[in-house]
Protein backbone atom coordinates (compact mmCIF):
# COMPACT_ATOMS: atom_id res chain seq x y z
CA MET A 1 8.69 5.52 -10.02
CA ARG A 2 6.97 5.29 -6.71
CA GLY A 3 3.97 6.58 -4.87
CA VAL A 4 4.17 7.35 -1.16
CA ALA A 5 1.47 8.16 1.39
CA GLY A 6 1.31 8.39 5.16
CA SER A 7 3.91 8.77 7.87
CA LEU A 8 5.70 6.82 10.57
CA GLU A 9 3.88 8.65 13.35
CA SER A 10 1.98 6.68 15.96
CA SER A 11 -1.47 5.52 14.76
CA ASP A 12 -0.52 6.05 11.10
CA VAL A 13 0.93 3.94 8.32
CA MET A 14 3.55 4.61 5.61
CA VAL A 15 2.77 3.04 2.25
CA VAL A 16 5.17 2.92 -0.70
CA VAL A 17 4.08 1.59 -4.11
CA GLU A 18 6.80 0.74 -6.63
CA GLU A 19 7.07 -1.05 -9.93
CA SER A 20 7.97 -4.72 -9.61
CA SER A 21 9.80 -6.95 -12.05
CA GLU A 22 7.23 -9.66 -11.32
CA ASN A 23 3.62 -9.80 -12.44
CA GLY A 24 0.93 -9.48 -9.82
CA ILE A 25 0.92 -7.66 -6.51
CA SER A 26 3.54 -8.31 -3.86
CA ILE A 27 3.19 -6.92 -0.36
CA GLU A 28 5.91 -6.38 2.21
CA LEU A 29 4.67 -5.62 5.71
CA ASP A 30 6.50 -4.23 8.71
CA GLY A 31 5.27 -2.67 11.91
CA VAL A 32 4.40 -3.08 15.53
CA ASP A 33 1.62 -5.64 15.07
CA LYS A 34 2.59 -7.15 11.71
CA VAL A 35 2.07 -10.73 12.83
CA ARG A 36 -1.28 -10.06 14.48
CA PHE A 37 -2.81 -8.01 11.63
CA ARG A 38 -0.94 -9.35 8.55
CA THR A 39 -4.01 -11.01 7.02
CA ASP A 40 -6.25 -7.95 7.43
CA ILE A 41 -3.68 -5.46 6.15
CA THR A 42 -2.61 -7.51 3.13
CA SER A 43 -6.25 -8.17 2.24
CA ILE A 44 -7.04 -4.45 2.32
CA ALA A 45 -4.03 -3.62 0.13
CA LYS A 46 -4.71 -6.38 -2.43
CA ASP A 47 -8.41 -5.50 -2.68
CA ILE A 48 -7.63 -1.84 -3.41
CA ALA A 49 -4.88 -2.67 -5.92
CA GLN A 50 -7.16 -5.09 -7.75
CA ARG A 51 -10.01 -2.58 -7.77
CA LYS A 52 -7.63 0.01 -9.27
CA GLY A 53 -6.56 -2.56 -11.88
CA VAL A 54 -2.82 -2.40 -11.19
CA ASN A 55 -0.38 -5.29 -11.61
CA GLY A 56 3.37 -5.60 -11.48
CA ILE A 57 3.69 -3.61 -8.27
CA LYS A 58 5.26 -3.99 -4.87
CA ILE A 59 3.44 -2.42 -1.93
CA THR A 60 5.54 -1.81 1.18
CA ILE A 61 3.50 -1.12 4.30
CA ASN A 62 5.02 0.08 7.57
CA ASP A 63 2.17 0.11 10.09
CA ARG A 64 2.33 2.09 13.32
CA GLY A 65 -1.08 1.09 14.67
CA ALA A 66 -3.36 2.60 12.02
CA ILE A 67 -7.01 1.62 11.83
CA ASN A 68 -8.28 -0.16 8.70
CA ALA A 69 -9.83 2.99 7.21
CA THR A 70 -6.50 4.80 7.46
CA ILE A 71 -4.64 1.88 5.91
CA ALA A 72 -7.11 1.78 3.01
CA ALA A 73 -6.85 5.53 2.42
CA ARG A 74 -3.04 5.46 2.46
CA VAL A 75 -2.85 2.48 0.09
CA GLU A 76 -5.27 4.10 -2.34
CA THR A 77 -3.42 7.42 -2.25
CA ALA A 78 -0.02 5.77 -2.76
CA ILE A 79 -1.36 3.82 -5.76
CA GLU A 80 -2.88 6.98 -7.25
CA ARG A 81 0.44 8.83 -6.84
CA TYR A 82 2.30 5.92 -8.43
CA LEU A 83 -0.09 5.91 -11.39
CA GLU A 84 0.23 9.71 -11.76
CA GLN A 85 4.01 9.33 -12.08
CA LYS A 86 3.46 6.71 -14.77
CA GLY A 87 1.15 9.10 -16.58
CA VAL A 88 -1.93 6.96 -15.96
CA ARG A 89 -5.11 8.50 -14.64
CA SER A 90 -6.81 6.45 -11.96
């Protein structure tokens, strides 16, 4: 099961949320400015996942220069789609 949101177009971000064999929230980040914005992007993703109450997930983020609001919207949508597949209402 996985939830996907976004695209690999310029100024967007692709987010994939999958079940993880480990507890907690793991984040894998790739993209044009991953070193420069790693802290901000991972913080946004963790905050949203914690607010949604999900654990045992892996969030893969491929950033193509998206602004923080876009990143947040894509992460939230991907988590909601993941939860829908699991039969959980968010």
